[in-house]
Amino acid sequence: MQKTELIKAIADKTGHSQKAVGEMVNAMMEIITATLKDGKKVTLTGFGTFEVREKKARTGTNPSTGQKIQIPAGKSIKFSVGATLKTEVTGKAPAKKSAKKKA
């Protein structure tokens, strides 16, 4: 599904105009982007969490030459799926966390 299809589906489901829904989707994407740029995470309960992870500099290998190369430090965006979304898509209930025993 592409963005325009998502906007149309939301408009059909909610009865709002595609223009209004498009503005809301764009605003949501801008807010999520700005929040991640500020180094904060975004949690949509039941859906998932977006967060920025710092990656350390490391040594890698050029696959075509086999030569060692230095890969600089950087950032990556990680998405962790929420329990509700995981259950809906996979049909499997999330694993329960084990309770810690008190001594």
PDB file of N, CA and C in Angstrom:
ATOM      1  N   MET A   1       0.848  -1.175   0.000  1.00  0.00           N
ATOM      2  CA  MET A   1       0.000   0.000   0.000  1.00  0.00           C
ATOM      3  C   MET A   1       0.890   1.232   0.000  1.00  0.00           C
ATOM      4  N   GLN A   2       0.560   2.156  -0.861  1.00  0.00           N
ATOM      5  CA  GLN A   2       1.295   3.403  -0.928  1.00  0.00           C
ATOM      6  C   GLN A   2       0.550   4.479  -0.155  1.00  0.00           C
ATOM      7  N   LYS A   3       1.214   5.613   0.043  1.00  0.00           N
ATOM      8  CA  LYS A   3       0.657   6.702   0.845  1.00  0.00           C
ATOM      9  C   LYS A   3      -0.707   7.154   0.330  1.00  0.00           C
ATOM     10  N   THR A   4      -0.852   7.306  -0.974  1.00  0.00           N
ATOM     11  CA  THR A   4      -2.135   7.766  -1.525  1.00  0.00           C
ATOM     12  C   THR A   4      -3.242   6.750  -1.273  1.00  0.00           C
ATOM     13  N   GLU A   5      -2.887   5.466  -1.325  1.00  0.00           N
ATOM     14  CA  GLU A   5      -3.879   4.418  -1.045  1.00  0.00           C
ATOM     15  C   GLU A   5      -4.268   4.421   0.433  1.00  0.00           C
ATOM     16  N   LEU A   6      -3.297   4.675   1.299  1.00  0.00           N
ATOM     17  CA  LEU A   6      -3.565   4.771   2.728  1.00  0.00           C
ATOM     18  C   LEU A   6      -4.502   5.940   3.013  1.00  0.00           C
ATOM     19  N   ILE A   7      -4.229   7.075   2.418  1.00  0.00           N
ATOM     20  CA  ILE A   7      -5.075   8.265   2.605  1.00  0.00           C
ATOM     21  C   ILE A   7      -6.498   7.979   2.145  1.00  0.00           C
ATOM     22  N   LYS A   8      -6.647   7.355   0.988  1.00  0.00           N
ATOM     23  CA  LYS A   8      -7.983   7.031   0.478  1.00  0.00           C
ATOM     24  C   LYS A   8      -8.706   6.065   1.409  1.00  0.00           C
ATOM     25  N   ALA A   9      -8.001   5.044   1.907  1.00  0.00           N
ATOM     26  CA  ALA A   9      -8.609   4.060   2.811  1.00  0.00           C
ATOM     27  C   ALA A   9      -9.072   4.716   4.112  1.00  0.00           C
ATOM     28  N   ILE A  10      -8.250   5.614   4.651  1.00  0.00           N
ATOM     29  CA  ILE A  10      -8.640   6.319   5.877  1.00  0.00           C
ATOM     30  C   ILE A  10      -9.837   7.220   5.610  1.00  0.00           C
ATOM     31  N   ALA A  11      -9.826   7.918   4.485  1.00  0.00           N
ATOM     32  CA  ALA A  11     -10.949   8.798   4.130  1.00  0.00           C
ATOM     33  C   ALA A  11     -12.239   7.994   3.980  1.00  0.00           C
ATOM     34  N   ASP A  12     -12.161   6.850   3.329  1.00  0.00           N
ATOM     35  CA  ASP A  12     -13.336   5.992   3.152  1.00  0.00           C
ATOM     36  C   ASP A  12     -13.857   5.482   4.496  1.00  0.00           C
ATOM     37  N   LYS A  13     -12.939   5.120   5.390  1.00  0.00           N
ATOM     38  CA  LYS A  13     -13.334   4.557   6.689  1.00  0.00           C
ATOM     39  C   LYS A  13     -13.908   5.614   7.629  1.00  0.00           C
ATOM     40  N   THR A  14     -13.389   6.840   7.553  1.00  0.00           N
ATOM     41  CA  THR A  14     -13.793   7.878   8.502  1.00  0.00           C
ATOM     42  C   THR A  14     -14.833   8.853   7.964  1.00  0.00           C
ATOM     43  N   GLY A  15     -14.998   8.901   6.655  1.00  0.00           N
ATOM     44  CA  GLY A  15     -15.939   9.849   6.064  1.00  0.00           C
ATOM     45  C   GLY A  15     -15.354  11.244   5.889  1.00  0.00           C
ATOM     46  N   HIS A  16     -14.071  11.419   6.185  1.00  0.00           N
ATOM     47  CA  HIS A  16     -13.414  12.712   5.979  1.00  0.00           C
ATOM     48  C   HIS A  16     -12.948  12.799   4.526  1.00  0.00           C
ATOM     49  N   SER A  17     -12.682  14.026   4.083  1.00  0.00           N
ATOM     50  CA  SER A  17     -12.209  14.199   2.711  1.00  0.00           C
ATOM     51  C   SER A  17     -10.768  13.705   2.590  1.00  0.00           C
ATOM     52  N   GLN A  18     -10.400  13.289   1.379  1.00  0.00           N
ATOM     53  CA  GLN A  18      -9.033  12.833   1.139  1.00  0.00           C
ATOM     54  C   GLN A  18      -8.041  13.962   1.392  1.00  0.00           C
ATOM     55  N   LYS A  19      -8.452  15.195   1.089  1.00  0.00           N
ATOM     56  CA  LYS A  19      -7.572  16.342   1.309  1.00  0.00           C
ATOM     57  C   LYS A  19      -7.281  16.504   2.796  1.00  0.00           C
ATOM     58  N   ALA A  20      -8.323  16.431   3.626  1.00  0.00           N
ATOM     59  CA  ALA A  20      -8.143  16.589   5.074  1.00  0.00           C
ATOM     60  C   ALA A  20      -7.301  15.448   5.637  1.00  0.00           C
ATOM     61  N   VAL A  21      -7.594  14.240   5.208  1.00  0.00           N
ATOM     62  CA  VAL A  21      -6.827  13.077   5.686  1.00  0.00           C
ATOM     63  C   VAL A  21      -5.373  13.192   5.231  1.00  0.00           C
ATOM     64  N   GLY A  22      -5.157  13.630   4.012  1.00  0.00           N
ATOM     65  CA  GLY A  22      -3.798  13.804   3.494  1.00  0.00           C
ATOM     66  C   GLY A  22      -3.010  14.801   4.336  1.00  0.00           C
ATOM     67  N   GLU A  23      -3.656  15.887   4.740  1.00  0.00           N
ATOM     68  CA  GLU A  23      -2.999  16.875   5.591  1.00  0.00           C
ATOM     69  C   GLU A  23      -2.655  16.274   6.951  1.00  0.00           C
ATOM     70  N   MET A  24      -3.554  15.444   7.490  1.00  0.00           N
ATOM     71  CA  MET A  24      -3.303  14.814   8.787  1.00  0.00           C
ATOM     72  C   MET A  24      -2.168  13.795   8.698  1.00  0.00           C
ATOM     73  N   VAL A  25      -2.164  12.993   7.642  1.00  0.00           N
ATOM     74  CA  VAL A  25      -1.096  12.003   7.458  1.00  0.00           C
ATOM     75  C   VAL A  25       0.244  12.711   7.294  1.00  0.00           C
ATOM     76  N   ASN A  26       0.272  13.772   6.496  1.00  0.00           N
ATOM     77  CA  ASN A  26       1.513  14.537   6.315  1.00  0.00           C
ATOM     78  C   ASN A  26       1.974  15.145   7.636  1.00  0.00           C
ATOM     79  N   ALA A  27       1.034  15.684   8.417  1.00  0.00           N
ATOM     80  CA  ALA A  27       1.379  16.270   9.712  1.00  0.00           C
ATOM     81  C   ALA A  27       1.944  15.202  10.641  1.00  0.00           C
ATOM     82  N   MET A  28       1.325  14.028  10.651  1.00  0.00           N
ATOM     83  CA  MET A  28       1.805  12.934  11.500  1.00  0.00           C
ATOM     84  C   MET A  28       3.233  12.541  11.116  1.00  0.00           C
ATOM     85  N   MET A  29       3.484  12.423   9.832  1.00  0.00           N
ATOM     86  CA  MET A  29       4.817  12.048   9.368  1.00  0.00           C
ATOM     87  C   MET A  29       5.851  13.121   9.730  1.00  0.00           C
ATOM     88  N   GLU A  30       5.471  14.393   9.608  1.00  0.00           N
ATOM     89  CA  GLU A  30       6.376  15.488   9.955  1.00  0.00           C
ATOM     90  C   GLU A  30       6.685  15.485  11.452  1.00  0.00           C
ATOM     91  N   ILE A  31       5.675  15.227  12.278  1.00  0.00           N
ATOM     92  CA  ILE A  31       5.869  15.204  13.729  1.00  0.00           C
ATOM     93  C   ILE A  31       6.744  14.027  14.135  1.00  0.00           C
ATOM     94  N   ILE A  32       6.506  12.852  13.556  1.00  0.00           N
ATOM     95  CA  ILE A  32       7.338  11.687  13.863  1.00  0.00           C
ATOM     96  C   ILE A  32       8.782  11.961  13.454  1.00  0.00           C
ATOM     97  N   THR A  33       8.983  12.526  12.281  1.00  0.00           N
ATOM     98  CA  THR A  33      10.329  12.841  11.785  1.00  0.00           C
ATOM     99  C   THR A  33      11.030  13.825  12.708  1.00  0.00           C
ATOM    100  N   ALA A  34      10.339  14.904  13.089  1.00  0.00           N
ATOM    101  CA  ALA A  34      10.935  15.921  13.962  1.00  0.00           C
ATOM    102  C   ALA A  34      11.281  15.334  15.332  1.00  0.00           C
ATOM    103  N   THR A  35      10.408  14.476  15.846  1.00  0.00           N
ATOM    104  CA  THR A  35      10.654  13.855  17.146  1.00  0.00           C
ATOM    105  C   THR A  35      11.883  12.959  17.093  1.00  0.00           C
ATOM    106  N   LEU A  36      12.015  12.172  16.034  1.00  0.00           N
ATOM    107  CA  LEU A  36      13.181  11.299  15.874  1.00  0.00           C
ATOM    108  C   LEU A  36      14.454  12.126  15.691  1.00  0.00           C
ATOM    109  N   LYS A  37      14.363  13.229  14.951  1.00  0.00           N
ATOM    110  CA  LYS A  37      15.528  14.103  14.762  1.00  0.00           C
ATOM    111  C   LYS A  37      15.989  14.690  16.084  1.00  0.00           C
ATOM    112  N   ASP A  38      15.052  14.897  17.023  1.00  0.00           N
ATOM    113  CA  ASP A  38      15.392  15.416  18.354  1.00  0.00           C
ATOM    114  C   ASP A  38      15.943  14.331  19.272  1.00  0.00           C
ATOM    115  N   GLY A  39      16.039  13.108  18.763  1.00  0.00           N
ATOM    116  CA  GLY A  39      16.589  12.015  19.549  1.00  0.00           C
ATOM    117  C   GLY A  39      15.596  11.351  20.480  1.00  0.00           C
ATOM    118  N   LYS A  40      14.323  11.648  20.309  1.00  0.00           N
ATOM    119  CA  LYS A  40      13.284  11.053  21.146  1.00  0.00           C
ATOM    120  C   LYS A  40      12.619   9.916  20.391  1.00  0.00           C
ATOM    121  N   LYS A  41      11.976   9.008  21.133  1.00  0.00           N
ATOM    122  CA  LYS A  41      11.283   7.914  20.461  1.00  0.00           C
ATOM    123  C   LYS A  41       9.788   8.206  20.395  1.00  0.00           C
ATOM    124  N   VAL A  42       9.134   7.549  19.440  1.00  0.00           N
ATOM    125  CA  VAL A  42       7.696   7.699  19.234  1.00  0.00           C
ATOM    126  C   VAL A  42       7.056   6.333  19.451  1.00  0.00           C
ATOM    127  N   THR A  43       6.141   6.253  20.421  1.00  0.00           N
ATOM    128  CA  THR A  43       5.459   5.003  20.717  1.00  0.00           C
ATOM    129  C   THR A  43       3.983   5.145  20.385  1.00  0.00           C
ATOM    130  N   LEU A  44       3.490   4.291  19.519  1.00  0.00           N
ATOM    131  CA  LEU A  44       2.072   4.206  19.193  1.00  0.00           C
ATOM    132  C   LEU A  44       1.606   2.891  19.813  1.00  0.00           C
ATOM    133  N   THR A  45       1.047   2.984  21.014  1.00  0.00           N
ATOM    134  CA  THR A  45       0.702   1.806  21.805  1.00  0.00           C
ATOM    135  C   THR A  45      -0.090   0.797  20.986  1.00  0.00           C
ATOM    136  N   GLY A  46       0.366  -0.436  21.009  1.00  0.00           N
ATOM    137  CA  GLY A  46      -0.278  -1.515  20.268  1.00  0.00           C
ATOM    138  C   GLY A  46       0.222  -1.634  18.842  1.00  0.00           C
ATOM    139  N   PHE A  47       0.764  -0.550  18.288  1.00  0.00           N
ATOM    140  CA  PHE A  47       1.264  -0.568  16.915  1.00  0.00           C
ATOM    141  C   PHE A  47       2.764  -0.778  16.883  1.00  0.00           C
ATOM    142  N   GLY A  48       3.506   0.084  17.588  1.00  0.00           N
ATOM    143  CA  GLY A  48       4.950  -0.071  17.620  1.00  0.00           C
ATOM    144  C   GLY A  48       5.660   1.178  18.064  1.00  0.00           C
ATOM    145  N   THR A  49       6.984   1.076  18.106  1.00  0.00           N
ATOM    146  CA  THR A  49       7.829   2.179  18.555  1.00  0.00           C
ATOM    147  C   THR A  49       8.908   2.465  17.522  1.00  0.00           C
ATOM    148  N   PHE A  50       9.073   3.745  17.190  1.00  0.00           N
ATOM    149  CA  PHE A  50      10.147   4.213  16.319  1.00  0.00           C
ATOM    150  C   PHE A  50      11.204   4.836  17.220  1.00  0.00           C
ATOM    151  N   GLU A  51      12.478   4.506  16.988  1.00  0.00           N
ATOM    152  CA  GLU A  51      13.528   5.160  17.748  1.00  0.00           C
ATOM    153  C   GLU A  51      14.812   5.204  16.931  1.00  0.00           C
ATOM    154  N   VAL A  52      15.671   6.170  17.283  1.00  0.00           N
ATOM    155  CA  VAL A  52      16.953   6.335  16.609  1.00  0.00           C
ATOM    156  C   VAL A  52      18.007   5.616  17.434  1.00  0.00           C
ATOM    157  N   ARG A  53      18.826   4.835  16.764  1.00  0.00           N
ATOM    158  CA  ARG A  53      19.916   4.123  17.425  1.00  0.00           C
ATOM    159  C   ARG A  53      21.239   4.660  16.890  1.00  0.00           C
ATOM    160  N   GLU A  54      22.181   4.849  17.803  1.00  0.00           N
ATOM    161  CA  GLU A  54      23.526   5.275  17.413  1.00  0.00           C
ATOM    162  C   GLU A  54      24.338   4.029  17.044  1.00  0.00           C
ATOM    163  N   LYS A  55      25.048   4.102  15.951  1.00  0.00           N
ATOM    164  CA  LYS A  55      25.917   2.998  15.539  1.00  0.00           C
ATOM    165  C   LYS A  55      27.362   3.457  15.685  1.00  0.00           C
ATOM    166  N   LYS A  56      28.185   2.616  16.292  1.00  0.00           N
ATOM    167  CA  LYS A  56      29.599   2.932  16.472  1.00  0.00           C
ATOM    168  C   LYS A  56      30.354   2.745  15.158  1.00  0.00           C
ATOM    169  N   ALA A  57      31.481   3.448  15.040  1.00  0.00           N
ATOM    170  CA  ALA A  57      32.357   3.237  13.888  1.00  0.00           C
ATOM    171  C   ALA A  57      32.902   1.816  13.966  1.00  0.00           C
ATOM    172  N   ARG A  58      33.101   1.209  12.817  1.00  0.00           N
ATOM    173  CA  ARG A  58      33.591  -0.170  12.806  1.00  0.00           C
ATOM    174  C   ARG A  58      34.359  -0.446  11.524  1.00  0.00           C
ATOM    175  N   THR A  59      35.053  -1.550  11.527  1.00  0.00           N
ATOM    176  CA  THR A  59      35.803  -1.980  10.346  1.00  0.00           C
ATOM    177  C   THR A  59      34.960  -2.989   9.578  1.00  0.00           C
ATOM    178  N   GLY A  60      34.871  -2.808   8.280  1.00  0.00           N
ATOM    179  CA  GLY A  60      34.124  -3.715   7.431  1.00  0.00           C
ATOM    180  C   GLY A  60      34.994  -4.205   6.294  1.00  0.00           C
ATOM    181  N   THR A  61      34.410  -4.975   5.401  1.00  0.00           N
ATOM    182  CA  THR A  61      35.131  -5.513   4.254  1.00  0.00           C
ATOM    183  C   THR A  61      34.391  -5.152   2.973  1.00  0.00           C
ATOM    184  N   ASN A  62      35.111  -4.612   2.015  1.00  0.00           N
ATOM    185  CA  ASN A  62      34.542  -4.322   0.712  1.00  0.00           C
ATOM    186  C   ASN A  62      34.278  -5.660   0.034  1.00  0.00           C
ATOM    187  N   PRO A  63      33.010  -5.981  -0.282  1.00  0.00           N
ATOM    188  CA  PRO A  63      32.712  -7.302  -0.832  1.00  0.00           C
ATOM    189  C   PRO A  63      33.326  -7.573  -2.206  1.00  0.00           C
ATOM    190  N   SER A  64      33.569  -6.539  -2.984  1.00  0.00           N
ATOM    191  CA  SER A  64      34.119  -6.780  -4.323  1.00  0.00           C
ATOM    192  C   SER A  64      35.639  -6.932  -4.324  1.00  0.00           C
ATOM    193  N   THR A  65      36.329  -6.280  -3.371  1.00  0.00           N
ATOM    194  CA  THR A  65      37.797  -6.358  -3.365  1.00  0.00           C
ATOM    195  C   THR A  65      38.341  -7.143  -2.173  1.00  0.00           C
ATOM    196  N   GLY A  66      37.526  -7.314  -1.142  1.00  0.00           N
ATOM    197  CA  GLY A  66      37.986  -7.995   0.056  1.00  0.00           C
ATOM    198  C   GLY A  66      38.834  -7.109   0.948  1.00  0.00           C
ATOM    199  N   GLN A  67      38.999  -5.839   0.540  1.00  0.00           N
ATOM    200  CA  GLN A  67      39.835  -4.898   1.278  1.00  0.00           C
ATOM    201  C   GLN A  67      39.096  -4.410   2.532  1.00  0.00           C
ATOM    202  N   LYS A  68      39.837  -4.221   3.633  1.00  0.00           N
ATOM    203  CA  LYS A  68      39.259  -3.699   4.877  1.00  0.00           C
ATOM    204  C   LYS A  68      38.967  -2.215   4.692  1.00  0.00           C
ATOM    205  N   ILE A  69      37.782  -1.784   5.173  1.00  0.00           N
ATOM    206  CA  ILE A  69      37.404  -0.382   5.093  1.00  0.00           C
ATOM    207  C   ILE A  69      36.875   0.063   6.456  1.00  0.00           C
ATOM    208  N   GLN A  70      36.982   1.357   6.721  1.00  0.00           N
ATOM    209  CA  GLN A  70      36.475   1.903   7.968  1.00  0.00           C
ATOM    210  C   GLN A  70      35.070   2.447   7.714  1.00  0.00           C
ATOM    211  N   ILE A  71      34.087   1.954   8.471  1.00  0.00           N
ATOM    212  CA  ILE A  71      32.709   2.417   8.356  1.00  0.00           C
ATOM    213  C   ILE A  71      32.489   3.437   9.466  1.00  0.00           C
ATOM    214  N   PRO A  72      32.115   4.665   9.121  1.00  0.00           N
ATOM    215  CA  PRO A  72      31.976   5.704  10.147  1.00  0.00           C
ATOM    216  C   PRO A  72      30.765   5.474  11.053  1.00  0.00           C
ATOM    217  N   ALA A  73      30.794   6.120  12.214  1.00  0.00           N
ATOM    218  CA  ALA A  73      29.654   6.073  13.135  1.00  0.00           C
ATOM    219  C   ALA A  73      28.466   6.743  12.451  1.00  0.00           C
ATOM    220  N   GLY A  74      27.279   6.375  12.863  1.00  0.00           N
ATOM    221  CA  GLY A  74      26.093   6.968  12.259  1.00  0.00           C
ATOM    222  C   GLY A  74      24.848   6.657  13.065  1.00  0.00           C
ATOM    223  N   LYS A  75      23.735   6.982  12.495  1.00  0.00           N
ATOM    224  CA  LYS A  75      22.449   6.744  13.141  1.00  0.00           C
ATOM    225  C   LYS A  75      21.601   5.853  12.245  1.00  0.00           C
ATOM    226  N   SER A  76      20.722   5.078  12.883  1.00  0.00           N
ATOM    227  CA  SER A  76      19.758   4.292  12.124  1.00  0.00           C
ATOM    228  C   SER A  76      18.420   4.370  12.846  1.00  0.00           C
ATOM    229  N   ILE A  77      17.353   4.148  12.121  1.00  0.00           N
ATOM    230  CA  ILE A  77      16.021   4.176  12.697  1.00  0.00           C
ATOM    231  C   ILE A  77      15.562   2.740  12.879  1.00  0.00           C
ATOM    232  N   LYS A  78      15.075   2.447  14.074  1.00  0.00           N
ATOM    233  CA  LYS A  78      14.592   1.106  14.387  1.00  0.00           C
ATOM    234  C   LYS A  78      13.098   1.182  14.681  1.00  0.00           C
ATOM    235  N   PHE A  79      12.366   0.204  14.181  1.00  0.00           N
ATOM    236  CA  PHE A  79      10.951   0.071  14.491  1.00  0.00           C
ATOM    237  C   PHE A  79      10.744  -1.245  15.211  1.00  0.00           C
ATOM    238  N   SER A  80      10.160  -1.169  16.398  1.00  0.00           N
ATOM    239  CA  SER A  80       9.824  -2.372  17.165  1.00  0.00           C
ATOM    240  C   SER A  80       8.317  -2.541  17.107  1.00  0.00           C
ATOM    241  N   VAL A  81       7.872  -3.672  16.622  1.00  0.00           N
ATOM    242  CA  VAL A  81       6.439  -3.917  16.453  1.00  0.00           C
ATOM    243  C   VAL A  81       5.753  -4.060  17.807  1.00  0.00           C
ATOM    244  N   GLY A  82       4.544  -3.510  17.915  1.00  0.00           N
ATOM    245  CA  GLY A  82       3.755  -3.607  19.137  1.00  0.00           C
ATOM    246  C   GLY A  82       3.040  -4.946  19.232  1.00  0.00           C
ATOM    247  N   ALA A  83       2.657  -5.302  20.449  1.00  0.00           N
ATOM    248  CA  ALA A  83       2.035  -6.603  20.703  1.00  0.00           C
ATOM    249  C   ALA A  83       0.728  -6.784  19.935  1.00  0.00           C
ATOM    250  N   THR A  84      -0.121  -5.759  19.915  1.00  0.00           N
ATOM    251  CA  THR A  84      -1.412  -5.876  19.233  1.00  0.00           C
ATOM    252  C   THR A  84      -1.225  -6.090  17.737  1.00  0.00           C
ATOM    253  N   LEU A  85      -0.358  -5.305  17.119  1.00  0.00           N
ATOM    254  CA  LEU A  85      -0.095  -5.449  15.683  1.00  0.00           C
ATOM    255  C   LEU A  85       0.476  -6.830  15.383  1.00  0.00           C
ATOM    256  N   LYS A  86       1.420  -7.268  16.203  1.00  0.00           N
ATOM    257  CA  LYS A  86       2.041  -8.576  15.987  1.00  0.00           C
ATOM    258  C   LYS A  86       1.002  -9.690  16.059  1.00  0.00           C
ATOM    259  N   THR A  87       0.118  -9.610  17.053  1.00  0.00           N
ATOM    260  CA  THR A  87      -0.924 -10.624  17.212  1.00  0.00           C
ATOM    261  C   THR A  87      -1.883 -10.616  16.028  1.00  0.00           C
ATOM    262  N   GLU A  88      -2.290  -9.424  15.586  1.00  0.00           N
ATOM    263  CA  GLU A  88      -3.230  -9.308  14.460  1.00  0.00           C
ATOM    264  C   GLU A  88      -2.636  -9.862  13.169  1.00  0.00           C
ATOM    265  N   VAL A  89      -1.368  -9.597  12.920  1.00  0.00           N
ATOM    266  CA  VAL A  89      -0.746 -10.005  11.661  1.00  0.00           C
ATOM    267  C   VAL A  89      -0.324 -11.468  11.672  1.00  0.00           C
ATOM    268  N   THR A  90       0.287 -11.916  12.772  1.00  0.00           N
ATOM    269  CA  THR A  90       0.828 -13.276  12.809  1.00  0.00           C
ATOM    270  C   THR A  90      -0.139 -14.300  13.381  1.00  0.00           C
ATOM    271  N   GLY A  91      -1.134 -13.837  14.145  1.00  0.00           N
ATOM    272  CA  GLY A  91      -2.062 -14.754  14.783  1.00  0.00           C
ATOM    273  C   GLY A  91      -1.495 -15.399  16.031  1.00  0.00           C
ATOM    274  N   LYS A  92      -0.303 -14.968  16.419  1.00  0.00           N
ATOM    275  CA  LYS A  92       0.339 -15.525  17.604  1.00  0.00           C
ATOM    276  C   LYS A  92       0.310 -14.502  18.726  1.00  0.00           C
ATOM    277  N   ALA A  93      -0.017 -14.963  19.916  1.00  0.00           N
ATOM    278  CA  ALA A  93       0.004 -14.079  21.076  1.00  0.00           C
ATOM    279  C   ALA A  93       1.454 -13.769  21.432  1.00  0.00           C
ATOM    280  N   PRO A  94       1.724 -12.558  21.918  1.00  0.00           N
ATOM    281  CA  PRO A  94       3.103 -12.227  22.292  1.00  0.00           C
ATOM    282  C   PRO A  94       3.571 -13.094  23.454  1.00  0.00           C
ATOM    283  N   ALA A  95       4.862 -13.362  23.484  1.00  0.00           N
ATOM    284  CA  ALA A  95       5.441 -14.164  24.565  1.00  0.00           C
ATOM    285  C   ALA A  95       5.312 -13.412  25.875  1.00  0.00           C
ATOM    286  N   LYS A  96       4.954 -14.132  26.917  1.00  0.00           N
ATOM    287  CA  LYS A  96       4.833 -13.507  28.232  1.00  0.00           C
ATOM    288  C   LYS A  96       6.209 -13.383  28.845  1.00  0.00           C
ATOM    289  N   LYS A  97       6.412 -12.263  29.547  1.00  0.00           N
ATOM    290  CA  LYS A  97       7.687 -12.050  30.236  1.00  0.00           C
ATOM    291  C   LYS A  97       7.669 -12.874  31.515  1.00  0.00           C
ATOM    292  N   SER A  98       8.801 -13.478  31.807  1.00  0.00           N
ATOM    293  CA  SER A  98       8.848 -14.293  33.022  1.00  0.00           C
ATOM    294  C   SER A  98       8.961 -13.395  34.248  1.00  0.00           C
ATOM    295  N   ALA A  99       8.278 -13.757  35.295  1.00  0.00           N
ATOM    296  CA  ALA A  99       8.302 -12.987  36.535  1.00  0.00           C
ATOM    297  C   ALA A  99       9.584 -13.297  37.288  1.00  0.00           C
ATOM    298  N   LYS A 100      10.191 -12.236  37.842  1.00  0.00           N
ATOM    299  CA  LYS A 100      11.403 -12.430  38.620  1.00  0.00           C
ATOM    300  C   LYS A 100      11.033 -12.888  40.019  1.00  0.00           C
ATOM    301  N   LYS A 101      11.811 -13.831  40.513  1.00  0.00           N
ATOM    302  CA  LYS A 101      11.571 -14.328  41.856  1.00  0.00           C
ATOM    303  C   LYS A 101      12.257 -13.424  42.865  1.00  0.00           C
ATOM    304  N   LYS A 102      11.563 -13.151  43.970  1.00  0.00           N
ATOM    305  CA  LYS A 102      12.163 -12.368  45.050  1.00  0.00           C
ATOM    306  C   LYS A 102      12.878 -13.301  45.995  1.00  0.00           C
ATOM    307  N   ALA A 103      14.058 -12.902  46.428  1.00  0.00           N
ATOM    308  CA  ALA A 103      14.846 -13.747  47.335  1.00  0.00           C
ATOM    309  C   ALA A 103      14.499 -13.502  48.772  1.00  0.00           C
TER     310      ALA A 103
END
